[in-house]
mmCIF file of all heavy atoms, coordinates in Angstrom:
data_MODEL
# 
_entry.id   MODEL 
# 
loop_
_atom_site.group_PDB 
_atom_site.id 
_atom_site.type_symbol 
_atom_site.label_atom_id 
_atom_site.label_alt_id 
_atom_site.label_comp_id 
_atom_site.label_asym_id 
_atom_site.label_entity_id 
_atom_site.label_seq_id 
_atom_site.pdbx_PDB_ins_code 
_atom_site.Cartn_x 
_atom_site.Cartn_y 
_atom_site.Cartn_z 
_atom_site.occupancy 
_atom_site.B_iso_or_equiv 
_atom_site.pdbx_formal_charge 
_atom_site.auth_seq_id 
_atom_site.auth_comp_id 
_atom_site.auth_asym_id 
_atom_site.auth_atom_id 
_atom_site.pdbx_PDB_model_num 
ATOM 1   N N   . GLY A 1 1  ? 17.314 12.820 127.000 1.00 0.00 ? 1  GLY A N   1 
ATOM 2   C CA  . GLY A 1 1  ? 18.376 11.839 126.804 1.00 0.00 ? 1  GLY A CA  1 
ATOM 3   C C   . GLY A 1 1  ? 19.773 12.418 126.707 1.00 0.00 ? 1  GLY A C   1 
ATOM 4   O O   . GLY A 1 1  ? 20.745 11.687 126.530 1.00 0.00 ? 1  GLY A O   1 
ATOM 5   N N   . VAL A 1 2  ? 19.904 13.741 126.838 1.00 0.00 ? 2  VAL A N   1 
ATOM 6   C CA  . VAL A 1 2  ? 21.210 14.396 126.822 1.00 0.00 ? 2  VAL A CA  1 
ATOM 7   C C   . VAL A 1 2  ? 21.626 14.619 128.271 1.00 0.00 ? 2  VAL A C   1 
ATOM 8   O O   . VAL A 1 2  ? 20.923 15.267 129.035 1.00 0.00 ? 2  VAL A O   1 
ATOM 9   C CB  . VAL A 1 2  ? 21.180 15.737 126.056 1.00 0.00 ? 2  VAL A CB  1 
ATOM 10  C CG1 . VAL A 1 2  ? 22.539 16.414 126.107 1.00 0.00 ? 2  VAL A CG1 1 
ATOM 11  C CG2 . VAL A 1 2  ? 20.728 15.521 124.621 1.00 0.00 ? 2  VAL A CG2 1 
ATOM 12  N N   . VAL A 1 3  ? 22.783 14.059 128.634 1.00 0.00 ? 3  VAL A N   1 
ATOM 13  C CA  . VAL A 1 3  ? 23.265 14.102 130.019 1.00 0.00 ? 3  VAL A CA  1 
ATOM 14  C C   . VAL A 1 3  ? 24.359 15.151 130.138 1.00 0.00 ? 3  VAL A C   1 
ATOM 15  O O   . VAL A 1 3  ? 25.303 15.172 129.348 1.00 0.00 ? 3  VAL A O   1 
ATOM 16  C CB  . VAL A 1 3  ? 23.831 12.728 130.441 1.00 0.00 ? 3  VAL A CB  1 
ATOM 17  C CG1 . VAL A 1 3  ? 24.334 12.772 131.870 1.00 0.00 ? 3  VAL A CG1 1 
ATOM 18  C CG2 . VAL A 1 3  ? 22.790 11.641 130.257 1.00 0.00 ? 3  VAL A CG2 1 
ATOM 19  N N   . HIS A 1 4  ? 24.225 16.026 131.143 1.00 0.00 ? 4  HIS A N   1 
ATOM 20  C CA  . HIS A 1 4  ? 25.238 17.026 131.450 1.00 0.00 ? 4  HIS A CA  1 
ATOM 21  C C   . HIS A 1 4  ? 25.858 16.639 132.794 1.00 0.00 ? 4  HIS A C   1 
ATOM 22  O O   . HIS A 1 4  ? 25.181 16.683 133.822 1.00 0.00 ? 4  HIS A O   1 
ATOM 23  C CB  . HIS A 1 4  ? 24.622 18.426 131.524 1.00 0.00 ? 4  HIS A CB  1 
ATOM 24  C CG  . HIS A 1 4  ? 24.003 18.852 130.230 1.00 0.00 ? 4  HIS A CG  1 
ATOM 25  N ND1 . HIS A 1 4  ? 24.733 19.417 129.219 1.00 0.00 ? 4  HIS A ND1 1 
ATOM 26  C CD2 . HIS A 1 4  ? 22.728 18.762 129.779 1.00 0.00 ? 4  HIS A CD2 1 
ATOM 27  C CE1 . HIS A 1 4  ? 23.943 19.668 128.197 1.00 0.00 ? 4  HIS A CE1 1 
ATOM 28  N NE2 . HIS A 1 4  ? 22.714 19.279 128.517 1.00 0.00 ? 4  HIS A NE2 1 
ATOM 29  N N   . LEU A 1 5  ? 27.120 16.224 132.751 1.00 0.00 ? 5  LEU A N   1 
ATOM 30  C CA  . LEU A 1 5  ? 27.829 15.806 133.958 1.00 0.00 ? 5  LEU A CA  1 
ATOM 31  C C   . LEU A 1 5  ? 28.666 16.957 134.497 1.00 0.00 ? 5  LEU A C   1 
ATOM 32  O O   . LEU A 1 5  ? 29.280 17.708 133.730 1.00 0.00 ? 5  LEU A O   1 
ATOM 33  C CB  . LEU A 1 5  ? 28.776 14.648 133.640 1.00 0.00 ? 5  LEU A CB  1 
ATOM 34  C CG  . LEU A 1 5  ? 28.143 13.357 133.150 1.00 0.00 ? 5  LEU A CG  1 
ATOM 35  C CD1 . LEU A 1 5  ? 29.227 12.385 132.693 1.00 0.00 ? 5  LEU A CD1 1 
ATOM 36  C CD2 . LEU A 1 5  ? 27.290 12.743 134.247 1.00 0.00 ? 5  LEU A CD2 1 
ATOM 37  N N   . SER A 1 6  ? 28.712 17.071 135.826 1.00 0.00 ? 6  SER A N   1 
ATOM 38  C CA  . SER A 1 6  ? 29.582 18.053 136.466 1.00 0.00 ? 6  SER A CA  1 
ATOM 39  C C   . SER A 1 6  ? 30.027 17.485 137.802 1.00 0.00 ? 6  SER A C   1 
ATOM 40  O O   . SER A 1 6  ? 29.478 16.519 138.305 1.00 0.00 ? 6  SER A O   1 
ATOM 41  C CB  . SER A 1 6  ? 28.866 19.393 136.647 1.00 0.00 ? 6  SER A CB  1 
ATOM 42  O OG  . SER A 1 6  ? 27.742 19.239 137.483 1.00 0.00 ? 6  SER A OG  1 
ATOM 43  N N   . GLY A 1 7  ? 31.046 18.114 138.357 1.00 0.00 ? 7  GLY A N   1 
ATOM 44  C CA  . GLY A 1 7  ? 31.590 17.676 139.629 1.00 0.00 ? 7  GLY A CA  1 
ATOM 45  C C   . GLY A 1 7  ? 33.103 17.613 139.553 1.00 0.00 ? 7  GLY A C   1 
ATOM 46  O O   . GLY A 1 7  ? 33.705 18.094 138.592 1.00 0.00 ? 7  GLY A O   1 
ATOM 47  N N   . THR A 1 8  ? 33.715 17.007 140.563 1.00 0.00 ? 8  THR A N   1 
ATOM 48  C CA  . THR A 1 8  ? 35.170 16.890 140.588 1.00 0.00 ? 8  THR A CA  1 
ATOM 49  C C   . THR A 1 8  ? 35.589 15.475 140.934 1.00 0.00 ? 8  THR A C   1 
ATOM 50  O O   . THR A 1 8  ? 34.901 14.769 141.679 1.00 0.00 ? 8  THR A O   1 
ATOM 51  C CB  . THR A 1 8  ? 35.797 17.851 141.619 1.00 0.00 ? 8  THR A CB  1 
ATOM 52  O OG1 . THR A 1 8  ? 35.247 17.565 142.906 1.00 0.00 ? 8  THR A OG1 1 
ATOM 53  C CG2 . THR A 1 8  ? 35.557 19.298 141.261 1.00 0.00 ? 8  THR A CG2 1 
ATOM 54  N N   . VAL A 1 9  ? 36.718 15.068 140.370 1.00 0.00 ? 9  VAL A N   1 
ATOM 55  C CA  . VAL A 1 9  ? 37.348 13.784 140.677 1.00 0.00 ? 9  VAL A CA  1 
ATOM 56  C C   . VAL A 1 9  ? 38.836 14.037 140.852 1.00 0.00 ? 9  VAL A C   1 
ATOM 57  O O   . VAL A 1 9  ? 39.345 15.102 140.483 1.00 0.00 ? 9  VAL A O   1 
ATOM 58  C CB  . VAL A 1 9  ? 37.102 12.730 139.566 1.00 0.00 ? 9  VAL A CB  1 
ATOM 59  C CG1 . VAL A 1 9  ? 35.631 12.341 139.496 1.00 0.00 ? 9  VAL A CG1 1 
ATOM 60  C CG2 . VAL A 1 9  ? 37.590 13.221 138.217 1.00 0.00 ? 9  VAL A CG2 1 
ATOM 61  N N   . ASN A 1 10 ? 39.546 13.053 141.385 1.00 0.00 ? 10 ASN A N   1 
ATOM 62  C CA  . ASN A 1 10 ? 40.970 13.228 141.648 1.00 0.00 ? 10 ASN A CA  1 
ATOM 63  C C   . ASN A 1 10 ? 41.877 12.788 140.501 1.00 0.00 ? 10 ASN A C   1 
ATOM 64  O O   . ASN A 1 10 ? 43.058 13.126 140.499 1.00 0.00 ? 10 ASN A O   1 
ATOM 65  C CB  . ASN A 1 10 ? 41.377 12.465 142.911 1.00 0.00 ? 10 ASN A CB  1 
ATOM 66  C CG  . ASN A 1 10 ? 40.771 13.084 144.147 1.00 0.00 ? 10 ASN A CG  1 
ATOM 67  O OD1 . ASN A 1 10 ? 40.587 14.290 144.205 1.00 0.00 ? 10 ASN A OD1 1 
ATOM 68  N ND2 . ASN A 1 10 ? 40.451 12.274 145.127 1.00 0.00 ? 10 ASN A ND2 1 
ATOM 69  N N   . GLU A 1 11 ? 41.350 12.026 139.543 1.00 0.00 ? 11 GLU A N   1 
ATOM 70  C CA  . GLU A 1 11 ? 42.195 11.512 138.470 1.00 0.00 ? 11 GLU A CA  1 
ATOM 71  C C   . GLU A 1 11 ? 41.460 11.515 137.137 1.00 0.00 ? 11 GLU A C   1 
ATOM 72  O O   . GLU A 1 11 ? 40.244 11.349 137.086 1.00 0.00 ? 11 GLU A O   1 
ATOM 73  C CB  . GLU A 1 11 ? 42.637 10.086 138.796 1.00 0.00 ? 11 GLU A CB  1 
ATOM 74  C CG  . GLU A 1 11 ? 43.459 9.988  140.060 1.00 0.00 ? 11 GLU A CG  1 
ATOM 75  C CD  . GLU A 1 11 ? 43.931 8.576  140.342 1.00 0.00 ? 11 GLU A CD  1 
ATOM 76  O OE1 . GLU A 1 11 ? 43.724 7.695  139.484 1.00 0.00 ? 11 GLU A OE1 1 
ATOM 77  O OE2 . GLU A 1 11 ? 44.494 8.367  141.411 1.00 0.00 ? 11 GLU A OE2 1 
ATOM 78  N N   . PHE A 1 12 ? 42.227 11.656 136.054 1.00 0.00 ? 12 PHE A N   1 
ATOM 79  C CA  . PHE A 1 12 ? 41.648 11.627 134.714 1.00 0.00 ? 12 PHE A CA  1 
ATOM 80  C C   . PHE A 1 12 ? 40.956 10.294 134.448 1.00 0.00 ? 12 PHE A C   1 
ATOM 81  O O   . PHE A 1 12 ? 39.931 10.240 133.767 1.00 0.00 ? 12 PHE A O   1 
ATOM 82  C CB  . PHE A 1 12 ? 42.725 11.858 133.647 1.00 0.00 ? 12 PHE A CB  1 
ATOM 83  C CG  . PHE A 1 12 ? 43.160 13.283 133.557 1.00 0.00 ? 12 PHE A CG  1 
ATOM 84  C CD1 . PHE A 1 12 ? 44.384 13.683 134.068 1.00 0.00 ? 12 PHE A CD1 1 
ATOM 85  C CD2 . PHE A 1 12 ? 42.362 14.238 132.954 1.00 0.00 ? 12 PHE A CD2 1 
ATOM 86  C CE1 . PHE A 1 12 ? 44.796 14.995 133.992 1.00 0.00 ? 12 PHE A CE1 1 
ATOM 87  C CE2 . PHE A 1 12 ? 42.760 15.561 132.870 1.00 0.00 ? 12 PHE A CE2 1 
ATOM 88  C CZ  . PHE A 1 12 ? 43.978 15.942 133.391 1.00 0.00 ? 12 PHE A CZ  1 
ATOM 89  N N   . GLU A 1 13 ? 41.519 9.214  134.966 1.00 0.00 ? 13 GLU A N   1 
ATOM 90  C CA  . GLU A 1 13 ? 40.937 7.887  134.752 1.00 0.00 ? 13 GLU A CA  1 
ATOM 91  C C   . GLU A 1 13 ? 39.513 7.821  135.303 1.00 0.00 ? 13 GLU A C   1 
ATOM 92  O O   . GLU A 1 13 ? 38.625 7.234  134.691 1.00 0.00 ? 13 GLU A O   1 
ATOM 93  C CB  . GLU A 1 13 ? 41.803 6.793  135.395 1.00 0.00 ? 13 GLU A CB  1 
ATOM 94  C CG  . GLU A 1 13 ? 41.308 5.393  135.140 1.00 0.00 ? 13 GLU A CG  1 
ATOM 95  C CD  . GLU A 1 13 ? 41.227 5.023  133.659 1.00 0.00 ? 13 GLU A CD  1 
ATOM 96  O OE1 . GLU A 1 13 ? 42.031 5.526  132.859 1.00 0.00 ? 13 GLU A OE1 1 
ATOM 97  O OE2 . GLU A 1 13 ? 40.342 4.212  133.314 1.00 0.00 ? 13 GLU A OE2 1 
ATOM 98  N N   . ALA A 1 14 ? 39.269 8.440  136.441 1.00 0.00 ? 14 ALA A N   1 
ATOM 99  C CA  . ALA A 1 14 ? 37.920 8.454  137.021 1.00 0.00 ? 14 ALA A CA  1 
ATOM 100 C C   . ALA A 1 14 ? 36.965 9.225  136.107 1.00 0.00 ? 14 ALA A C   1 
ATOM 101 O O   . ALA A 1 14 ? 35.821 8.804  135.911 1.00 0.00 ? 14 ALA A O   1 
ATOM 102 C CB  . ALA A 1 14 ? 37.944 9.075  138.415 1.00 0.00 ? 14 ALA A CB  1 
ATOM 103 N N   . LYS A 1 15 ? 37.424 10.312 135.525 1.00 0.00 ? 15 LYS A N   1 
ATOM 104 C CA  . LYS A 1 15 ? 36.602 11.087 134.590 1.00 0.00 ? 15 LYS A CA  1 
ATOM 105 C C   . LYS A 1 15 ? 36.221 10.229 133.386 1.00 0.00 ? 15 LYS A C   1 
ATOM 106 O O   . LYS A 1 15 ? 35.070 10.204 132.966 1.00 0.00 ? 15 LYS A O   1 
ATOM 107 C CB  . LYS A 1 15 ? 37.364 12.341 134.147 1.00 0.00 ? 15 LYS A CB  1 
ATOM 108 C CG  . LYS A 1 15 ? 36.590 13.213 133.185 1.00 0.00 ? 15 LYS A CG  1 
ATOM 109 C CD  . LYS A 1 15 ? 37.361 14.483 132.845 1.00 0.00 ? 15 LYS A CD  1 
ATOM 110 C CE  . LYS A 1 15 ? 36.584 15.334 131.848 1.00 0.00 ? 15 LYS A CE  1 
ATOM 111 N NZ  . LYS A 1 15 ? 37.212 16.631 131.628 1.00 0.00 ? 15 LYS A NZ  1 
ATOM 112 N N   . ARG A 1 16 ? 37.204 9.489  132.849 1.00 0.00 ? 16 ARG A N   1 
ATOM 113 C CA  . ARG A 1 16 ? 36.942 8.608  131.704 1.00 0.00 ? 16 ARG A CA  1 
ATOM 114 C C   . ARG A 1 16 ? 35.999 7.479  132.080 1.00 0.00 ? 16 ARG A C   1 
ATOM 115 O O   . ARG A 1 16 ? 35.103 7.117  131.308 1.00 0.00 ? 16 ARG A O   1 
ATOM 116 C CB  . ARG A 1 16 ? 38.250 8.038  131.165 1.00 0.00 ? 16 ARG A CB  1 
ATOM 117 C CG  . ARG A 1 16 ? 39.018 9.007  130.302 1.00 0.00 ? 16 ARG A CG  1 
ATOM 118 C CD  . ARG A 1 16 ? 40.166 8.313  129.576 1.00 0.00 ? 16 ARG A CD  1 
ATOM 119 N NE  . ARG A 1 16 ? 41.185 7.810  130.489 1.00 0.00 ? 16 ARG A NE  1 
ATOM 120 C CZ  . ARG A 1 16 ? 42.245 8.494  130.892 1.00 0.00 ? 16 ARG A CZ  1 
ATOM 121 N NH1 . ARG A 1 16 ? 42.437 9.712  130.453 1.00 0.00 ? 16 ARG A NH1 1 
ATOM 122 N NH2 . ARG A 1 16 ? 43.123 7.965  131.715 1.00 0.00 ? 16 ARG A NH2 1 
ATOM 123 N N   . GLU A 1 17 ? 36.183 6.891  133.252 1.00 0.00 ? 17 GLU A N   1 
ATOM 124 C CA  . GLU A 1 17 ? 35.315 5.791  133.708 1.00 0.00 ? 17 GLU A CA  1 
ATOM 125 C C   . GLU A 1 17 ? 33.865 6.244  133.839 1.00 0.00 ? 17 GLU A C   1 
ATOM 126 O O   . GLU A 1 17 ? 32.947 5.522  133.446 1.00 0.00 ? 17 GLU A O   1 
ATOM 127 C CB  . GLU A 1 17 ? 35.802 5.231  135.043 1.00 0.00 ? 17 GLU A CB  1 
ATOM 128 C CG  . GLU A 1 17 ? 37.049 4.400  134.941 1.00 0.00 ? 17 GLU A CG  1 
ATOM 129 C CD  . GLU A 1 17 ? 37.529 3.922  136.303 1.00 0.00 ? 17 GLU A CD  1 
ATOM 130 O OE1 . GLU A 1 17 ? 36.768 3.981  137.293 1.00 0.00 ? 17 GLU A OE1 1 
ATOM 131 O OE2 . GLU A 1 17 ? 38.695 3.490  136.384 1.00 0.00 ? 17 GLU A OE2 1 
ATOM 132 N N   . ILE A 1 18 ? 33.657 7.419  134.390 1.00 0.00 ? 18 ILE A N   1 
ATOM 133 C CA  . ILE A 1 18 ? 32.302 7.946  134.545 1.00 0.00 ? 18 ILE A CA  1 
ATOM 134 C C   . ILE A 1 18 ? 31.672 8.178  133.175 1.00 0.00 ? 18 ILE A C   1 
ATOM 135 O O   . ILE A 1 18 ? 30.521 7.813  132.936 1.00 0.00 ? 18 ILE A O   1 
ATOM 136 C CB  . ILE A 1 18 ? 32.302 9.228  135.396 1.00 0.00 ? 18 ILE A CB  1 
ATOM 137 C CG1 . ILE A 1 18 ? 32.681 8.888  136.841 1.00 0.00 ? 18 ILE A CG1 1 
ATOM 138 C CG2 . ILE A 1 18 ? 30.944 9.929  135.332 1.00 0.00 ? 18 ILE A CG2 1 
ATOM 139 C CD1 . ILE A 1 18 ? 32.993 10.081 137.712 1.00 0.00 ? 18 ILE A CD1 1 
ATOM 140 N N   . MET A 1 19 ? 32.430 8.750  132.264 1.00 0.00 ? 19 MET A N   1 
ATOM 141 C CA  . MET A 1 19 ? 31.933 8.999  130.904 1.00 0.00 ? 19 MET A CA  1 
ATOM 142 C C   . MET A 1 19 ? 31.522 7.682  130.242 1.00 0.00 ? 19 MET A C   1 
ATOM 143 O O   . MET A 1 19 ? 30.440 7.572  129.663 1.00 0.00 ? 19 MET A O   1 
ATOM 144 C CB  . MET A 1 19 ? 33.015 9.695  130.085 1.00 0.00 ? 19 MET A CB  1 
ATOM 145 C CG  . MET A 1 19 ? 32.626 10.005 128.677 1.00 0.00 ? 19 MET A CG  1 
ATOM 146 S SD  . MET A 1 19 ? 31.522 11.415 128.635 1.00 0.00 ? 19 MET A SD  1 
ATOM 147 C CE  . MET A 1 19 ? 31.607 11.809 126.911 1.00 0.00 ? 19 MET A CE  1 
ATOM 148 N N   . THR A 1 20 ? 32.372 6.672  130.331 1.00 0.00 ? 20 THR A N   1 
ATOM 149 C CA  . THR A 1 20 ? 32.091 5.361  129.739 1.00 0.00 ? 20 THR A CA  1 
ATOM 150 C C   . THR A 1 20 ? 30.857 4.743  130.368 1.00 0.00 ? 20 THR A C   1 
ATOM 151 O O   . THR A 1 20 ? 29.991 4.207  129.669 1.00 0.00 ? 20 THR A O   1 
ATOM 152 C CB  . THR A 1 20 ? 33.304 4.424  129.904 1.00 0.00 ? 20 THR A CB  1 
ATOM 153 O OG1 . THR A 1 20 ? 34.423 5.025  129.245 1.00 0.00 ? 20 THR A OG1 1 
ATOM 154 C CG2 . THR A 1 20 ? 33.040 3.054  129.312 1.00 0.00 ? 20 THR A CG2 1 
ATOM 155 N N   . LEU A 1 21 ? 30.756 4.823  131.683 1.00 0.00 ? 21 LEU A N   1 
ATOM 156 C CA  . LEU A 1 21 ? 29.603 4.267  132.391 1.00 0.00 ? 21 LEU A CA  1 
ATOM 157 C C   . LEU A 1 21 ? 28.307 4.920  131.931 1.00 0.00 ? 21 LEU A C   1 
ATOM 158 O O   . LEU A 1 21 ? 27.344 4.247  131.586 1.00 0.00 ? 21 LEU A O   1 
ATOM 159 C CB  . LEU A 1 21 ? 29.768 4.462  133.905 1.00 0.00 ? 21 LEU A CB  1 
ATOM 160 C CG  . LEU A 1 21 ? 28.541 4.149  134.752 1.00 0.00 ? 21 LEU A CG  1 
ATOM 161 C CD1 . LEU A 1 21 ? 28.352 2.642  134.840 1.00 0.00 ? 21 LEU A CD1 1 
ATOM 162 C CD2 . LEU A 1 21 ? 28.657 4.751  136.120 1.00 0.00 ? 21 LEU A CD2 1 
ATOM 163 N N   . VAL A 1 22 ? 28.288 6.243  131.891 1.00 0.00 ? 22 VAL A N   1 
ATOM 164 C CA  . VAL A 1 22 ? 27.071 6.968  131.525 1.00 0.00 ? 22 VAL A CA  1 
ATOM 165 C C   . VAL A 1 22 ? 26.691 6.691  130.068 1.00 0.00 ? 22 VAL A C   1 
ATOM 166 O O   . VAL A 1 22 ? 25.522 6.483  129.755 1.00 0.00 ? 22 VAL A O   1 
ATOM 167 C CB  . VAL A 1 22 ? 27.224 8.478  131.801 1.00 0.00 ? 22 VAL A CB  1 
ATOM 168 C CG1 . VAL A 1 22 ? 26.054 9.271  131.255 1.00 0.00 ? 22 VAL A CG1 1 
ATOM 169 C CG2 . VAL A 1 22 ? 27.376 8.722  133.306 1.00 0.00 ? 22 VAL A CG2 1 
ATOM 170 N N   . GLN A 1 23 ? 27.675 6.651  129.173 1.00 0.00 ? 23 GLN A N   1 
ATOM 171 C CA  . GLN A 1 23 ? 27.394 6.380  127.769 1.00 0.00 ? 23 GLN A CA  1 
ATOM 172 C C   . GLN A 1 23 ? 26.788 4.991  127.564 1.00 0.00 ? 23 GLN A C   1 
ATOM 173 O O   . GLN A 1 23 ? 26.061 4.777  126.603 1.00 0.00 ? 23 GLN A O   1 
ATOM 174 C CB  . GLN A 1 23 ? 28.667 6.500  126.929 1.00 0.00 ? 23 GLN A CB  1 
ATOM 175 C CG  . GLN A 1 23 ? 29.129 7.925  126.750 1.00 0.00 ? 23 GLN A CG  1 
ATOM 176 C CD  . GLN A 1 23 ? 30.463 8.003  126.038 1.00 0.00 ? 23 GLN A CD  1 
ATOM 177 O OE1 . GLN A 1 23 ? 31.340 7.183  126.229 1.00 0.00 ? 23 GLN A OE1 1 
ATOM 178 N NE2 . GLN A 1 23 ? 30.616 9.033  125.210 1.00 0.00 ? 23 GLN A NE2 1 
ATOM 179 N N   . SER A 1 24 ? 27.079 4.059  128.467 1.00 0.00 ? 24 SER A N   1 
ATOM 180 C CA  . SER A 1 24 ? 26.599 2.684  128.311 1.00 0.00 ? 24 SER A CA  1 
ATOM 181 C C   . SER A 1 24 ? 25.169 2.476  128.820 1.00 0.00 ? 24 SER A C   1 
ATOM 182 O O   . SER A 1 24 ? 24.594 1.411  128.622 1.00 0.00 ? 24 SER A O   1 
ATOM 183 C CB  . SER A 1 24 ? 27.539 1.719  129.044 1.00 0.00 ? 24 SER A CB  1 
ATOM 184 O OG  . SER A 1 24 ? 27.394 1.849  130.447 1.00 0.00 ? 24 SER A OG  1 
ATOM 185 N N   . ILE A 1 25 ? 24.585 3.480  129.452 1.00 0.00 ? 25 ILE A N   1 
ATOM 186 C CA  . ILE A 1 25 ? 23.241 3.350  130.022 1.00 0.00 ? 25 ILE A CA  1 
ATOM 187 C C   . ILE A 1 25 ? 22.190 3.569  128.935 1.00 0.00 ? 25 ILE A C   1 
ATOM 188 O O   . ILE A 1 25 ? 22.235 4.553  128.200 1.00 0.00 ? 25 ILE A O   1 
ATOM 189 C CB  . ILE A 1 25 ? 23.045 4.343  131.187 1.00 0.00 ? 25 ILE A CB  1 
ATOM 190 C CG1 . ILE A 1 25 ? 24.017 3.988  132.329 1.00 0.00 ? 25 ILE A CG1 1 
ATOM 191 C CG2 . ILE A 1 25 ? 21.609 4.337  131.676 1.00 0.00 ? 25 ILE A CG2 1 
ATOM 192 C CD1 . ILE A 1 25 ? 24.025 4.983  133.465 1.00 0.00 ? 25 ILE A CD1 1 
ATOM 193 N N   . ALA A 1 26 ? 21.271 2.628  128.847 1.00 0.00 ? 26 ALA A N   1 
ATOM 194 C CA  . ALA A 1 26 ? 20.192 2.719  127.855 1.00 0.00 ? 26 ALA A CA  1 
ATOM 195 C C   . ALA A 1 26 ? 19.381 3.989  128.071 1.00 0.00 ? 26 ALA A C   1 
ATOM 196 O O   . ALA A 1 26 ? 19.041 4.331  129.203 1.00 0.00 ? 26 ALA A O   1 
ATOM 197 C CB  . ALA A 1 26 ? 19.287 1.495  127.955 1.00 0.00 ? 26 ALA A CB  1 
ATOM 198 N N   . GLY A 1 27 ? 19.102 4.697  126.995 1.00 0.00 ? 27 GLY A N   1 
ATOM 199 C CA  . GLY A 1 27 ? 18.330 5.931  127.072 1.00 0.00 ? 27 GLY A CA  1 
ATOM 200 C C   . GLY A 1 27 ? 19.193 7.174  126.978 1.00 0.00 ? 27 GLY A C   1 
ATOM 201 O O   . GLY A 1 27 ? 18.693 8.272  126.762 1.00 0.00 ? 27 GLY A O   1 
ATOM 202 N N   . VAL A 1 28 ? 20.515 7.015  127.146 1.00 0.00 ? 28 VAL A N   1 
ATOM 203 C CA  . VAL A 1 28 ? 21.434 8.143  127.021 1.00 0.00 ? 28 VAL A CA  1 
ATOM 204 C C   . VAL A 1 28 ? 21.782 8.306  125.546 1.00 0.00 ? 28 VAL A C   1 
ATOM 205 O O   . VAL A 1 28 ? 22.263 7.382  124.905 1.00 0.00 ? 28 VAL A O   1 
ATOM 206 C CB  . VAL A 1 28 ? 22.712 7.923  127.856 1.00 0.00 ? 28 VAL A CB  1 
ATOM 207 C CG1 . VAL A 1 28 ? 23.742 8.998  127.571 1.00 0.00 ? 28 VAL A CG1 1 
ATOM 208 C CG2 . VAL A 1 28 ? 22.372 7.885  129.343 1.00 0.00 ? 28 VAL A CG2 1 
ATOM 209 N N   . HIS A 1 29 ? 21.520 9.500  125.007 1.00 0.00 ? 29 HIS A N   1 
ATOM 210 C CA  . HIS A 1 29 ? 21.785 9.760  123.598 1.00 0.00 ? 29 HIS A CA  1 
ATOM 211 C C   . HIS A 1 29 ? 23.076 10.551 123.392 1.00 0.00 ? 29 HIS A C   1 
ATOM 212 O O   . HIS A 1 29 ? 23.730 10.417 122.368 1.00 0.00 ? 29 HIS A O   1 
ATOM 213 C CB  . HIS A 1 29 ? 20.625 10.531 122.966 1.00 0.00 ? 29 HIS A CB  1 
ATOM 214 C CG  . HIS A 1 29 ? 19.319 9.826  123.104 1.00 0.00 ? 29 HIS A CG  1 
ATOM 215 N ND1 . HIS A 1 29 ? 19.044 8.629  122.492 1.00 0.00 ? 29 HIS A ND1 1 
ATOM 216 C CD2 . HIS A 1 29 ? 18.215 10.138 123.813 1.00 0.00 ? 29 HIS A CD2 1 
ATOM 217 C CE1 . HIS A 1 29 ? 17.819 8.245  122.804 1.00 0.00 ? 29 HIS A CE1 1 
ATOM 218 N NE2 . HIS A 1 29 ? 17.296 9.145  123.613 1.00 0.00 ? 29 HIS A NE2 1 
ATOM 219 N N   . GLU A 1 30 ? 23.413 11.373 124.382 1.00 0.00 ? 30 GLU A N   1 
ATOM 220 C CA  . GLU A 1 30 ? 24.586 12.236 124.266 1.00 0.00 ? 30 GLU A CA  1 
ATOM 221 C C   . GLU A 1 30 ? 25.048 12.601 125.673 1.00 0.00 ? 30 GLU A C   1 
ATOM 222 O O   . GLU A 1 30 ? 24.241 12.687 126.592 1.00 0.00 ? 30 GLU A O   1 
ATOM 223 C CB  . GLU A 1 30 ? 24.201 13.507 123.501 1.00 0.00 ? 30 GLU A CB  1 
ATOM 224 C CG  . GLU A 1 30 ? 25.336 14.430 123.180 1.00 0.00 ? 30 GLU A CG  1 
ATOM 225 C CD  . GLU A 1 30 ? 24.870 15.653 122.388 1.00 0.00 ? 30 GLU A CD  1 
ATOM 226 O OE1 . GLU A 1 30 ? 23.860 15.556 121.659 1.00 0.00 ? 30 GLU A OE1 1 
ATOM 227 O OE2 . GLU A 1 30 ? 25.525 16.695 122.515 1.00 0.00 ? 30 GLU A OE2 1 
# 
């Protein structure tokens, strides 16, 4: 349940959006 994200995006907002999306998925603990 611990998710390690990596990769590249062009804007800080995209990084925040991905973080928010992943945190909202059931089963993700960290």
